[in-house]
Amino acid sequence: SFNLESWHDVGHAADIISRFDISLDIGPTRHGITRGQTIYFFDPSGNRNETFCGGYIYYPDNPRRMWQAENAGKAIFYYEKVLHDRFMTVNT
């Protein structure tokens, strides 16, 4: 994953991906579990890459958040609320 500074930077990455016709996998979107913003895309060799920013900062006294299996789609892709089979079947 390529860690970016802001949601604006993730949007700029989306602009570059679009401008150069790079194969977009998913996004821009947000992860439900981490609350970080992300884009998944494929490089010219077919490897999946991710840009990512934000998310929770760990503190030992931070309350635990529990996600149930039936909410896996929303936990992984918060806006879409669906965990697509194609995302789980690509190995790079």
Protein backbone atom coordinates (compact mmCIF):
# COMPACT_ATOMS: atom_id res chain seq x y z
CA SER A 1 0.00 0.00 0.00
CA PHE A 2 1.16 3.52 -0.78
CA ASN A 3 0.38 5.73 2.23
CA LEU A 4 -0.81 9.21 1.25
CA GLU A 5 -1.35 12.28 3.41
CA SER A 6 -5.00 13.13 2.70
CA TRP A 7 -8.27 12.24 0.97
CA HIS A 8 -7.37 14.99 -1.50
CA ASP A 9 -4.20 13.04 -2.38
CA VAL A 10 -6.24 9.86 -2.91
CA GLY A 11 -8.48 11.87 -5.25
CA HIS A 12 -5.41 13.12 -7.09
CA ALA A 13 -4.23 9.50 -7.44
CA ALA A 14 -7.65 8.68 -8.93
CA ASP A 15 -7.18 11.52 -11.42
CA ILE A 16 -3.80 10.11 -12.47
CA ILE A 17 -5.21 6.57 -12.74
CA SER A 18 -7.98 7.88 -15.00
CA ARG A 19 -5.74 10.15 -17.07
CA PHE A 20 -3.33 7.34 -17.93
CA ASP A 21 -6.02 4.63 -18.41
CA ILE A 22 -4.63 2.52 -15.57
CA SER A 23 -6.82 -0.46 -14.72
CA LEU A 24 -8.90 0.57 -11.68
CA ASP A 25 -10.00 -2.26 -9.39
CA ILE A 26 -12.02 -0.54 -6.64
CA GLY A 27 -12.43 2.99 -5.39
CA PRO A 28 -12.02 5.67 -4.48
CA THR A 29 -13.76 4.35 -1.38
CA ARG A 30 -13.41 4.00 2.38
CA HIS A 31 -12.62 0.95 4.49
CA GLY A 32 -15.23 0.46 7.20
CA ILE A 33 -12.88 -1.23 9.66
CA THR A 34 -10.05 1.30 9.52
CA ARG A 35 -12.04 4.28 8.19
CA GLY A 36 -9.12 4.94 5.84
CA GLN A 37 -9.71 6.10 2.28
CA THR A 38 -8.37 3.93 -0.53
CA ILE A 39 -8.10 3.06 -4.21
CA TYR A 40 -7.07 -0.32 -5.59
CA PHE A 41 -5.56 -0.44 -9.08
CA PHE A 42 -3.40 -2.71 -11.25
CA ASP A 43 0.09 -1.80 -12.42
CA PRO A 44 1.27 -2.71 -15.97
CA SER A 45 2.55 -6.09 -14.69
CA GLY A 46 -0.92 -6.99 -13.35
CA ASN A 47 -0.08 -6.51 -9.67
CA ARG A 48 -2.78 -5.00 -7.49
CA ASN A 49 -1.68 -1.86 -5.65
CA GLU A 50 -3.41 0.34 -3.11
CA THR A 51 -3.21 4.01 -2.20
CA PHE A 52 -4.38 4.66 1.34
CA CYS A 53 -4.73 7.55 3.77
CA GLY A 54 -6.25 8.21 7.14
CA GLY A 55 -7.76 5.59 9.36
CA TYR A 56 -7.79 4.95 13.07
CA ILE A 57 -4.80 5.67 15.23
CA TYR A 58 -4.20 2.91 17.76
CA TYR A 59 -4.33 3.76 21.45
CA PRO A 60 -4.30 0.98 24.08
CA ASP A 61 -7.38 2.45 25.81
CA ASN A 62 -9.32 2.98 22.56
CA PRO A 63 -12.67 1.15 22.67
CA ARG A 64 -12.78 -2.13 20.76
CA ARG A 65 -14.92 -2.17 17.64
CA MET A 66 -16.52 -5.48 16.73
CA TRP A 67 -17.59 -6.35 13.17
CA GLN A 68 -19.84 -9.32 12.43
CA ALA A 69 -19.27 -11.64 9.45
CA GLU A 70 -22.56 -10.60 7.86
CA ASN A 71 -21.19 -7.05 7.66
CA ALA A 72 -17.93 -8.02 5.93
CA GLY A 73 -18.80 -6.12 2.76
CA LYS A 74 -19.38 -2.88 4.65
CA ALA A 75 -16.33 -3.54 6.85
CA ILE A 76 -14.03 -3.81 3.83
CA PHE A 77 -15.73 -1.40 1.39
CA TYR A 78 -17.85 0.98 3.43
CA TYR A 79 -19.55 2.86 0.60
CA GLU A 80 -20.30 -0.14 -1.64
CA LYS A 81 -21.27 -2.44 1.29
CA VAL A 82 -20.38 -5.46 -0.87
CA LEU A 83 -17.28 -7.62 -0.88
CA HIS A 84 -16.97 -8.50 -4.57
CA ASP A 85 -15.80 -12.01 -5.50
CA ARG A 86 -13.39 -10.54 -8.03
CA PHE A 87 -11.60 -8.71 -5.22
CA MET A 88 -11.09 -11.92 -3.25
CA THR A 89 -10.05 -14.07 -6.23
CA VAL A 90 -7.21 -11.93 -7.62
CA ASN A 91 -3.80 -13.03 -6.36
CA THR A 92 -0.84 -10.82 -7.19
